[in-house]
Every structure is written in structure tokens, then in C-alpha cells.
Amino acid sequence: MISKERYEFIIYQTTGMGLDAIWLYLCQDAKSYIKRKTLFIWMLKKMLQDNVIILAKDGDRKSTRLNS
């Protein structure tokens, strides 16, 4: 997908921002919409697995893991 260094760089640069910031950073790595969408979903899964992001529902924060 993308290198570990690129993954960590995107996380560092987008900390505190919305998910759209990740989408925008990925446009440098993928020129087509399909490729960027695939990278975006991969990035979200990886961030959930690494506990970088936490999903919340109705204000209830829960650490969630996706089945790969």
C-alpha cells in the first residue's frame, strides 16, 4: 500500500484534523479515484488497528477493531 514512513508522516501531519485531511494527503500517492479510495480504506483500518483513531457513537467512545 504505502510505506511505513509515509503512513507515519500522514498521521503526524493530520493529527487533530478531520478525515478529509487524510483523503487530501493520499491524492499525492494515488492519481485515480479508485486507487485513492482503496488507500483511504486501508489507512482507516490500519489507524484503527494501531489505536490511532477511535470511533464514537452518540458521544460514547469505543476503541474498535475491524476484521481484516
Protein backbone atom coordinates (compact mmCIF):
# COMPACT_ATOMS: atom_id res chain seq x y z
CA MET A 1 0.00 0.00 0.00
CA ILE A 2 2.18 2.88 1.26
CA SER A 3 5.44 2.84 3.15
CA LYS A 4 5.60 2.91 6.93
CA GLU A 5 7.34 6.28 6.75
CA ARG A 6 4.58 7.74 4.55
CA TYR A 7 1.90 6.30 6.85
CA GLU A 8 3.53 7.86 9.91
CA PHE A 9 4.05 11.16 8.08
CA ILE A 10 0.36 11.37 7.15
CA ILE A 11 -0.66 10.58 10.73
CA TYR A 12 1.69 13.26 12.09
CA GLN A 13 0.54 15.88 9.59
CA THR A 14 -3.18 15.20 10.04
CA THR A 15 -3.36 14.83 13.84
CA GLY A 16 -6.32 16.83 15.13
CA MET A 17 -7.84 17.23 11.66
CA GLY A 18 -10.84 15.60 10.03
CA LEU A 19 -10.68 12.50 7.88
CA ASP A 20 -10.82 14.68 4.80
CA ALA A 21 -7.24 15.74 5.52
CA ILE A 22 -6.12 12.12 5.12
CA TRP A 23 -8.05 11.94 1.84
CA LEU A 24 -6.24 15.04 0.58
CA TYR A 25 -2.79 13.72 1.57
CA LEU A 26 -3.47 10.47 -0.29
CA CYS A 27 -4.01 12.30 -3.58
CA GLN A 28 -0.21 12.54 -3.80
CA ASP A 29 0.02 8.74 -3.62
CA ALA A 30 -2.81 7.81 -5.96
CA LYS A 31 -3.91 9.58 -9.11
CA SER A 32 -7.13 7.67 -9.71
CA TYR A 33 -10.21 7.83 -7.52
CA ILE A 34 -10.36 4.03 -7.15
CA LYS A 35 -6.72 3.81 -6.01
CA ARG A 36 -7.16 6.70 -3.55
CA LYS A 37 -10.35 5.13 -2.17
CA THR A 38 -8.53 1.82 -1.66
CA LEU A 39 -5.65 3.57 0.13
CA PHE A 40 -8.06 5.59 2.26
CA ILE A 41 -9.92 2.47 3.47
CA TRP A 42 -6.59 0.70 4.09
CA MET A 43 -5.35 3.74 6.04
CA LEU A 44 -8.51 3.83 8.20
CA LYS A 45 -8.24 0.13 9.00
CA LYS A 46 -4.55 0.47 9.88
CA MET A 47 -5.21 3.52 12.07
CA LEU A 48 -7.96 1.63 13.93
CA GLN A 49 -5.68 -1.39 14.43
CA ASP A 50 -2.87 0.86 15.68
CA ASN A 51 -5.29 2.72 18.00
CA VAL A 52 -4.52 6.00 16.25
CA ILE A 53 -8.22 6.77 15.85
CA ILE A 54 -11.20 5.85 17.97
CA LEU A 55 -14.76 5.55 16.70
CA ALA A 56 -17.56 7.12 18.71
CA LYS A 57 -21.31 6.68 18.59
CA ASP A 58 -23.57 9.18 20.30
CA GLY A 59 -20.64 10.53 22.29
CA ASP A 60 -19.67 7.05 23.55
CA ARG A 61 -16.04 6.50 22.59
CA LYS A 62 -15.07 2.92 21.93
CA SER A 63 -11.86 1.54 20.58
CA THR A 64 -12.94 -0.57 17.63
CA ARG A 65 -11.05 -3.09 15.58
CA LEU A 66 -12.06 -4.09 12.09
CA ASN A 67 -11.75 -7.66 10.92
CA SER A 68 -9.30 -7.76 8.04
